[in-house]
Protein backbone atom coordinates (compact mmCIF):
# COMPACT_ATOMS: atom_id res chain seq x y z
CA MET A 1 192.99 146.79 90.10
CA SER A 2 195.10 145.13 88.10
CA HIS A 3 198.87 146.41 88.04
CA ASN A 4 202.27 145.43 86.46
CA ARG A 5 205.62 144.05 88.56
CA LEU A 6 208.99 143.88 87.49
CA ILE A 7 210.32 140.41 89.06
CA GLY A 8 213.88 138.66 88.27
CA GLY A 9 213.83 140.91 85.52
CA LEU A 10 210.23 139.45 83.92
CA LEU A 11 206.81 141.78 84.13
CA LEU A 12 204.90 139.40 85.62
CA ALA A 13 200.57 140.93 85.63
CA THR A 14 198.88 140.70 88.84
CA VAL A 15 195.26 141.41 89.85
CA ALA A 16 193.60 142.63 92.57
CA LEU A 17 191.48 140.26 93.73
CA PRO A 18 187.72 141.89 95.33
CA ALA A 19 187.00 142.36 98.50
CA PRO A 20 185.52 138.84 100.91
CA VAL A 21 181.74 139.23 101.57
CA MET A 22 181.60 139.82 104.93
CA ALA A 23 179.56 137.32 106.58
CA GLU A 24 176.42 139.02 108.27
CA THR A 25 173.47 139.11 110.53
CA PHE A 26 169.91 140.69 109.33
CA SER A 27 166.86 141.35 110.98
CA LEU A 28 164.03 139.19 109.74
CA TRP A 29 160.39 139.67 111.11
CA VAL A 30 157.37 138.01 110.52
CA ARG A 31 153.44 137.19 110.73
CA ALA A 32 152.78 134.92 113.43
CA ASP A 33 150.31 133.31 110.43
CA GLY A 34 154.12 132.00 109.51
CA SER A 35 155.54 130.66 112.15
CA ASN A 36 154.43 127.45 110.34
CA PHE A 37 157.51 127.47 107.93
CA MET A 38 160.12 131.26 108.41
CA PRO A 39 161.26 129.64 111.26
CA GLN A 40 162.17 126.26 109.35
CA ILE A 41 163.86 128.15 106.47
CA VAL A 42 166.12 130.34 108.90
CA GLU A 43 167.35 127.37 110.34
CA ALA A 44 168.23 125.68 107.67
CA PHE A 45 169.53 129.31 105.62
CA ASN A 46 171.91 130.22 109.04
CA ALA A 47 173.14 126.00 109.75
CA GLN A 48 174.70 126.46 105.59
CA SER A 49 175.09 130.03 105.21
CA GLU A 50 178.10 132.15 106.18
CA HIS A 51 175.37 134.91 106.47
CA SER A 52 172.22 134.09 109.56
CA ALA A 53 168.66 135.96 109.82
CA GLU A 54 167.96 136.84 113.26
CA LEU A 55 164.06 136.15 113.04
CA GLN A 56 161.09 138.17 114.83
CA ILE A 57 157.92 136.01 115.29
CA VAL A 58 155.27 139.11 115.41
CA PRO A 59 152.05 139.20 116.37
CA THR A 60 149.50 138.90 113.14
CA ALA A 61 147.23 141.64 113.58
CA GLU A 62 149.86 143.71 115.09
CA LEU A 63 152.46 143.53 112.65
CA VAL A 64 151.60 145.96 109.90
CA GLN A 65 151.27 148.96 112.53
CA LYS A 66 154.27 147.63 114.44
CA TYR A 67 155.91 147.65 110.80
CA ALA A 68 155.03 151.76 110.19
CA ILE A 69 155.20 152.68 113.83
CA ALA A 70 159.48 151.19 113.48
CA SER A 71 159.64 152.62 110.18
CA ALA A 72 159.45 156.52 110.77
CA GLY A 73 161.30 155.79 114.44
CA GLY A 74 163.79 154.37 112.60
CA SER A 75 163.73 150.97 114.21
CA ALA A 76 162.28 148.91 111.52
CA PRO A 77 163.83 145.56 111.09
CA ASP A 78 166.14 145.13 108.06
CA ALA A 79 163.53 143.46 106.24
CA LEU A 80 160.26 140.86 106.51
CA SER A 81 158.00 139.40 105.26
CA LEU A 82 154.89 141.83 104.84
CA ASP A 83 151.00 140.57 103.69
CA LEU A 84 151.67 141.76 99.94
CA ILE A 85 148.40 143.13 100.25
CA TYR A 86 150.75 146.46 102.32
CA THR A 87 153.41 146.78 100.03
CA PRO A 88 151.87 148.97 97.62
CA ALA A 89 151.52 151.52 100.68
CA PHE A 90 154.51 151.37 102.03
CA GLY A 91 156.24 150.81 99.02
CA ALA A 92 154.55 154.47 97.78
CA ALA A 93 154.96 155.95 101.15
CA GLY A 94 159.58 155.53 100.74
CA GLN A 95 159.37 153.06 103.67
CA LEU A 96 160.57 149.89 101.31
CA ARG A 97 164.26 149.18 99.33
CA ASP A 98 164.26 149.35 95.46
CA LEU A 99 164.78 145.52 94.46
CA THR A 100 164.35 146.28 90.77
CA GLU A 101 168.11 144.98 89.44
CA PHE A 102 168.06 141.93 91.81
CA ALA A 103 165.11 140.78 91.11
CA GLN A 104 165.29 140.80 87.50
CA ASP A 105 168.63 139.76 87.56
CA LEU A 106 167.20 135.97 88.79
CA ASP A 107 167.31 133.18 86.87
CA TYR A 108 163.71 132.31 87.52
CA PHE A 109 162.08 135.58 87.59
CA ASP A 110 159.24 134.67 84.96
CA SER A 111 158.24 131.66 87.40
CA LEU A 112 157.58 133.98 90.22
CA SER A 113 153.98 134.45 91.10
CA PRO A 114 152.62 137.46 88.86
CA ALA A 115 149.55 138.99 91.44
CA HIS A 116 152.37 139.74 94.13
CA LEU A 117 154.44 141.09 92.17
CA SER A 118 151.82 142.80 90.55
CA VAL A 119 151.15 144.30 94.35
CA GLY A 120 154.70 144.54 94.62
CA THR A 121 155.22 146.98 91.73
CA VAL A 122 154.96 151.17 92.61
CA GLU A 123 155.53 153.11 89.46
CA ASP A 124 157.45 150.55 87.60
CA ARG A 125 160.22 149.79 90.71
CA ILE A 126 159.78 146.47 92.43
CA TYR A 127 159.37 147.03 96.32
CA GLY A 128 158.27 143.58 96.68
CA LEU A 129 159.59 139.76 95.64
CA PRO A 130 156.70 137.00 96.41
CA PHE A 131 157.25 134.72 99.73
CA SER A 132 154.65 132.83 100.69
CA ALA A 133 151.35 131.94 98.92
CA ASP A 134 148.22 130.70 99.35
CA SER A 135 145.05 130.62 96.83
CA SER A 136 141.60 130.55 97.20
CA VAL A 137 139.75 127.71 96.40
CA LEU A 138 136.16 126.04 96.06
CA ILE A 139 135.67 122.74 98.64
CA TRP A 140 132.26 120.30 98.94
CA ASN A 141 131.45 117.62 101.41
CA LYS A 142 131.57 114.13 99.75
CA ASP A 143 129.63 112.37 101.91
CA LEU A 144 127.20 114.80 101.98
CA TYR A 145 127.16 114.97 97.88
CA ARG A 146 126.65 110.96 98.45
CA GLU A 147 123.61 111.43 100.69
CA ALA A 148 122.27 113.98 98.46
CA GLY A 149 122.33 111.91 94.93
CA LEU A 150 125.42 113.74 93.75
CA ASP A 151 128.93 112.63 91.73
CA PRO A 152 131.26 112.94 94.81
CA ASP A 153 134.53 113.47 92.40
CA VAL A 154 132.79 116.38 90.29
CA ALA A 155 132.60 120.13 91.09
CA PRO A 156 130.32 122.32 90.06
CA THR A 157 132.00 124.59 87.61
CA THR A 158 128.83 127.11 87.04
CA TRP A 159 127.24 129.03 89.29
CA ALA A 160 124.28 127.07 88.22
CA GLU A 161 125.84 124.04 89.03
CA ILE A 162 126.71 125.31 92.87
CA ARG A 163 123.17 126.44 93.14
CA GLU A 164 121.69 123.31 91.93
CA HIS A 165 124.62 120.89 94.41
CA ALA A 166 123.12 123.14 97.53
CA GLU A 167 119.55 122.79 97.08
CA ALA A 168 120.67 118.73 96.62
CA ILE A 169 122.28 118.75 99.90
CA ASP A 170 120.34 121.21 101.66
CA ALA A 171 117.06 119.21 101.21
CA LEU A 172 119.20 116.28 103.62
CA GLY A 173 117.35 118.25 106.38
CA GLU A 174 117.06 120.78 108.54
CA GLU A 175 120.57 120.89 110.28
CA THR A 176 122.39 120.64 106.66
CA TYR A 177 122.75 123.56 104.46
CA GLY A 178 123.48 124.07 100.99
CA PHE A 179 126.39 126.55 100.80
CA TYR A 180 128.45 128.87 103.58
CA PHE A 181 129.87 132.39 103.76
CA SER A 182 130.69 134.45 106.15
CA GLY A 183 128.92 137.48 105.39
CA ALA A 184 130.45 139.90 107.96
CA CYS A 185 133.78 139.32 107.04
CA GLY A 186 135.95 141.85 104.14
CA GLY A 187 138.72 139.31 104.38
CA CYS A 188 137.14 136.29 103.64
CA ASN A 189 135.00 138.01 100.98
CA ILE A 190 137.73 139.69 99.12
CA PHE A 191 139.77 136.02 99.48
CA THR A 192 136.11 134.10 97.48
CA PHE A 193 133.65 136.58 96.50
CA MET A 194 135.54 138.55 94.44
CA PRO A 195 137.91 135.58 92.41
CA MET A 196 133.74 134.46 91.44
CA VAL A 197 133.15 138.23 89.97
CA TRP A 198 137.12 137.97 88.25
CA ALA A 199 135.88 135.11 86.83
CA SER A 200 132.94 137.19 84.87
CA GLY A 201 134.53 139.66 83.75
CA GLY A 202 134.06 141.83 86.57
CA GLU A 203 136.44 143.72 88.62
CA LEU A 204 137.17 145.89 91.62
CA PHE A 205 139.61 148.57 90.98
CA SER A 206 141.26 150.03 87.94
CA SER A 207 144.49 148.49 87.90
CA ASP A 208 146.66 151.63 89.88
CA GLY A 209 143.85 151.11 92.29
CA SER A 210 142.60 155.13 91.33
CA GLU A 211 139.27 153.90 90.10
CA ALA A 212 136.20 151.95 92.01
CA ARG A 213 134.32 149.52 90.13
CA PHE A 214 132.19 148.14 92.55
CA ASP A 215 128.60 148.57 91.02
CA SER A 216 129.42 146.24 88.00
CA PRO A 217 127.29 144.28 85.47
CA GLN A 218 129.00 141.82 87.01
CA MET A 219 129.12 141.82 90.53
CA ARG A 220 125.48 142.75 90.41
CA GLU A 221 124.99 139.22 89.14
CA GLY A 222 127.52 137.98 91.53
CA VAL A 223 125.89 139.85 94.43
CA GLU A 224 122.54 138.35 93.70
CA PHE A 225 123.88 134.58 93.02
CA TYR A 226 124.91 134.78 96.96
CA ARG A 227 121.49 136.99 97.67
CA ALA A 228 119.21 134.40 96.42
CA MET A 229 120.72 131.86 97.94
CA VAL A 230 120.40 133.66 101.46
CA GLU A 231 117.01 134.66 101.10
CA ASP A 232 116.25 130.58 99.45
CA GLY A 233 117.36 128.96 102.97
CA LEU A 234 120.59 127.65 101.74
CA VAL A 235 122.99 129.32 103.64
CA PRO A 236 122.93 129.43 108.29
CA ALA A 237 121.34 133.11 109.65
CA GLY A 238 124.36 133.02 111.12
CA SER A 239 126.59 133.77 108.20
CA GLN A 240 125.27 137.17 108.45
CA THR A 241 126.73 138.22 111.49
CA ASP A 242 130.41 136.27 110.75
CA GLY A 243 133.09 137.86 110.83
CA GLY A 244 135.28 135.15 110.02
CA ILE A 245 135.22 132.68 113.00
CA ASN A 246 133.34 130.09 110.76
CA PHE A 247 135.08 131.11 107.95
CA PHE A 248 137.08 127.55 108.23
CA ALA A 249 135.01 126.18 111.34
CA ALA A 250 131.22 125.53 109.43
CA PHE A 251 132.14 123.71 106.82
CA ALA A 252 134.40 121.56 108.82
CA ASN A 253 131.61 120.95 111.40
CA GLY A 254 130.22 118.40 108.63
CA ASN A 255 127.31 119.63 107.72
CA ILE A 256 127.97 122.64 105.08
CA GLY A 257 128.05 120.98 101.14
CA ILE A 258 130.00 124.06 99.08
CA THR A 259 131.71 126.59 100.45
CA PRO A 260 134.40 128.67 99.37
CA SER A 261 137.50 128.75 101.10
CA GLY A 262 141.60 128.41 100.99
CA ALA A 263 144.28 126.69 100.30
CA PHE A 264 145.51 126.33 104.31
CA ALA A 265 141.68 124.24 104.69
CA ILE A 266 144.11 121.27 103.23
CA GLY A 267 146.24 121.20 105.86
CA ALA A 268 143.58 122.05 108.79
CA LEU A 269 141.23 119.69 107.52
CA ASN A 270 143.58 116.83 106.94
CA THR A 271 145.11 117.13 110.64
CA GLN A 272 141.81 118.01 112.96
CA TYR A 273 139.36 116.25 110.66
CA PRO A 274 141.17 113.92 109.44
CA ASP A 275 137.81 111.30 108.99
CA LEU A 276 136.31 114.18 106.59
CA ASP A 277 136.13 113.70 103.06
CA TYR A 278 136.08 116.69 100.58
CA GLY A 279 137.35 117.75 97.48
CA VAL A 280 138.80 121.15 96.22
CA SER A 281 138.08 122.78 92.84
CA TYR A 282 138.59 126.44 91.55
CA LEU A 283 136.41 129.08 92.50
CA PRO A 284 133.61 129.70 89.17
CA GLY A 285 132.70 132.56 87.66
CA LYS A 286 129.28 132.16 86.26
CA ASP A 287 129.57 130.63 82.93
CA GLY A 288 132.96 128.26 83.85
CA ALA A 289 135.51 129.99 83.69
CA TRP A 290 137.81 130.53 86.88
CA SER A 291 140.16 132.84 89.23
CA SER A 292 141.06 133.16 92.12
CA PHE A 293 142.95 134.94 95.52
CA ALA A 294 146.39 135.23 95.41
CA GLY A 295 146.92 135.94 99.01
CA GLY A 296 149.92 135.20 101.17
CA ASP A 297 153.31 137.29 101.47
CA ASN A 298 155.85 139.81 100.11
CA PHE A 299 159.81 139.72 101.46
CA VAL A 300 160.07 143.61 101.40
CA VAL A 301 163.55 144.88 102.61
CA SER A 302 163.42 148.28 105.00
CA ALA A 303 164.25 151.33 102.91
CA ALA A 304 166.95 152.23 105.63
CA THR A 305 168.79 149.00 105.69
CA ASP A 306 172.09 149.14 105.49
CA ASP A 307 173.90 148.02 101.73
CA ASP A 308 176.14 146.24 104.13
CA LYS A 309 173.25 143.83 104.95
CA MET A 310 172.12 143.30 101.65
CA PRO A 311 174.44 140.33 100.55
CA ALA A 312 173.11 138.06 103.65
CA ILE A 313 169.61 139.22 102.43
CA GLU A 314 170.07 138.42 98.49
CA ALA A 315 171.33 134.99 100.02
CA PHE A 316 168.36 134.09 102.59
CA ILE A 317 166.38 134.96 99.59
CA GLU A 318 167.32 132.96 96.93
CA PHE A 319 168.15 130.01 99.32
CA ALA A 320 164.22 130.56 99.98
CA TYR A 321 163.95 130.66 96.22
CA SER A 322 165.47 127.25 96.24
CA LEU A 323 164.12 123.73 95.95
CA GLU A 324 164.88 123.33 99.64
CA GLY A 325 163.61 126.48 100.60
CA GLN A 326 160.36 126.15 98.29
CA ARG A 327 159.52 122.32 100.03
CA LEU A 328 160.51 123.63 103.84
CA LEU A 329 157.47 126.36 102.68
CA ALA A 330 155.16 123.42 101.51
CA ALA A 331 155.51 121.86 104.70
CA GLY A 332 155.06 124.20 106.61
CA GLY A 333 151.26 124.70 104.52
CA ALA A 334 151.93 127.26 102.06
CA LEU A 335 152.36 127.39 98.24
CA PRO A 336 155.20 127.63 96.21
CA VAL A 337 155.49 131.14 94.55
CA ARG A 338 158.14 129.35 91.89
CA SER A 339 156.07 127.60 89.35
CA ASP A 340 158.70 126.35 87.25
CA ILE A 341 158.67 124.27 90.69
CA ALA A 342 155.92 124.00 92.50
CA GLU A 343 155.15 120.33 91.41
CA GLU A 344 158.71 119.28 92.98
CA ALA A 345 158.33 121.07 95.95
CA LEU A 346 154.70 119.63 96.36
CA GLU A 347 155.83 116.02 95.99
CA GLY A 348 155.15 113.71 98.61
CA LEU A 349 152.51 116.53 100.18
CA ASP A 350 148.29 115.61 99.56
CA PRO A 351 147.77 115.76 95.99
CA ARG A 352 144.67 118.55 96.27
CA TYR A 353 148.09 121.00 96.79
CA ILE A 354 148.88 120.78 93.02
CA LEU A 355 145.50 122.17 91.95
CA ALA A 356 146.13 125.10 94.83
CA ALA A 357 149.02 125.88 93.38
CA ASP A 358 147.75 125.55 89.85
CA ALA A 359 144.91 128.26 91.10
CA MET A 360 148.15 130.51 91.34
CA THR A 361 149.02 130.97 87.99
CA ASN A 362 145.17 132.72 87.07
CA GLY A 363 145.50 134.39 91.02
CA ARG A 364 144.80 138.40 91.64
CA THR A 365 145.30 140.77 94.50
CA PRO A 366 144.19 144.07 94.01
CA PHE A 367 146.29 147.21 93.96
CA SER A 368 145.14 149.90 96.50
CA PRO A 369 147.11 151.97 98.52
CA VAL A 370 144.41 152.12 100.60
CA PHE A 371 143.06 148.30 100.69
CA ASN A 372 142.95 148.09 104.57
CA ASP A 373 140.52 150.87 104.62
CA LEU A 374 138.88 149.83 102.13
CA ILE A 375 138.32 146.11 101.83
CA ASN A 376 139.69 144.55 105.49
CA SER A 377 138.49 146.78 107.62
CA ALA A 378 134.83 146.14 109.54
CA ASN A 379 133.63 149.46 109.08
CA GLY A 380 134.95 150.08 105.75
CA PRO A 381 132.54 150.24 102.18
CA TRP A 382 133.63 146.47 101.07
CA ILE A 383 132.23 144.47 104.05
CA THR A 384 128.85 147.01 105.07
CA THR A 385 128.46 146.76 101.00
CA LEU A 386 128.24 143.74 100.30
CA ASN A 387 126.21 142.58 103.75
CA ARG A 388 123.39 144.77 102.92
CA ALA A 389 123.23 143.54 99.31
CA PHE A 390 123.61 139.85 100.59
CA TYR A 391 121.07 139.85 103.02
CA GLY A 392 118.70 143.10 101.62
CA THR A 393 116.12 142.51 98.62
CA ALA A 394 116.27 141.84 94.94
CA ASP A 395 115.09 145.46 94.18
CA GLU A 396 118.35 146.86 96.78
CA VAL A 397 121.23 145.44 95.20
CA GLY A 398 122.06 148.29 92.74
CA GLU A 399 121.71 151.15 94.60
CA THR A 400 123.73 149.38 97.67
CA LEU A 401 126.24 148.82 95.04
CA ALA A 402 126.23 152.05 93.34
CA GLN A 403 126.49 153.49 97.22
CA GLY A 404 129.00 151.55 98.04
CA GLU A 405 131.42 152.81 95.00
CA ALA A 406 131.28 156.16 96.23
CA GLU A 407 132.29 155.22 99.43
CA MET A 408 135.22 153.63 98.29
CA GLN A 409 135.91 156.50 95.64
CA SER A 410 135.32 158.90 98.03
CA ILE A 411 138.74 157.16 100.33
CA ILE A 412 140.64 156.47 97.20
CA ASP A 413 140.09 160.38 95.83
CA ASP A 414 141.22 161.35 99.71
CA ALA A 415 144.00 159.51 99.68
CA ASN A 416 145.59 161.09 96.60
């Protein structure tokens, strides 16, 4: 607000300055999976900002329930880094703050991970912003490729090539297998199997999550691709009961030729198995297209967070999106979520991360407010259906997928 003052016969105009922004401290939660990078980002932000974040690391398996209880009881943190698949549920329940205007005002908004934003958006309002990322990729053992007479620098780009390469590697001996996947792990298979179906033109849900599309020609072909490799002994028998404990470990042992995995495997293999020679490529569809699951976290703000905290929270988000923040993220093993500076953020790191980051450009994340019940639950229709189909007979696949789709749709309808 401006006003005029008369001083010494001169009329002077003065302008009232805006009130200074007060330094604020906000509470921030992150699941333990983010403990490799979040403490470093918080420390760097606190060192250079007038504001500060107070970090609490929560065990990964406990965060979602703990946050739900805290939100209901009025003790939620001001902000948290949330597994992106849960954003639709908390956003639809009114437990998250609308960040639409802030997000769309960011100069680099269009370069933020579209998959993260797709599940961070509920009824055209943005409740979750991309924070950390992990893409799904295909990895292969180059030493086994050499032993099998395959070119160690050429990845399979179709299902037929995966099968061909797996057969050649499997022929090396009884203790060597061509392919591996965790057959009883819902999260593992949505992360690595579903992108191969997406790349072949299939879907799992409608875009708004209201319809299950489990039983499709593309899904049937994908299931049959895996099922046939299991039946022909190209996959170890133990995969049938693997709930995820060997999702990474099986390949790391050195006797698996090919496996779908995640970008996280690059850092883990380099650190824990430095002598393992491996390649990283895209997850292919049946005929050569490729896709990826976009995993990681969205940054969300609790609906009850005081307005006074928002300048500090917004400053933290912008720091995390800066080149310094994205480099800290990458150094901690997560992929950048800004495509326009991804290569700069990854500079000096293993070059295989570049492909993994590029996979995010074609990454997808299924939108469902009941994702946990459908996909992550050990007794949910996703993994129980796939397990029956992967390890059953060819003539049972169609009926099994149709039953699984009906179970999925029932859960979706009951939630609406």
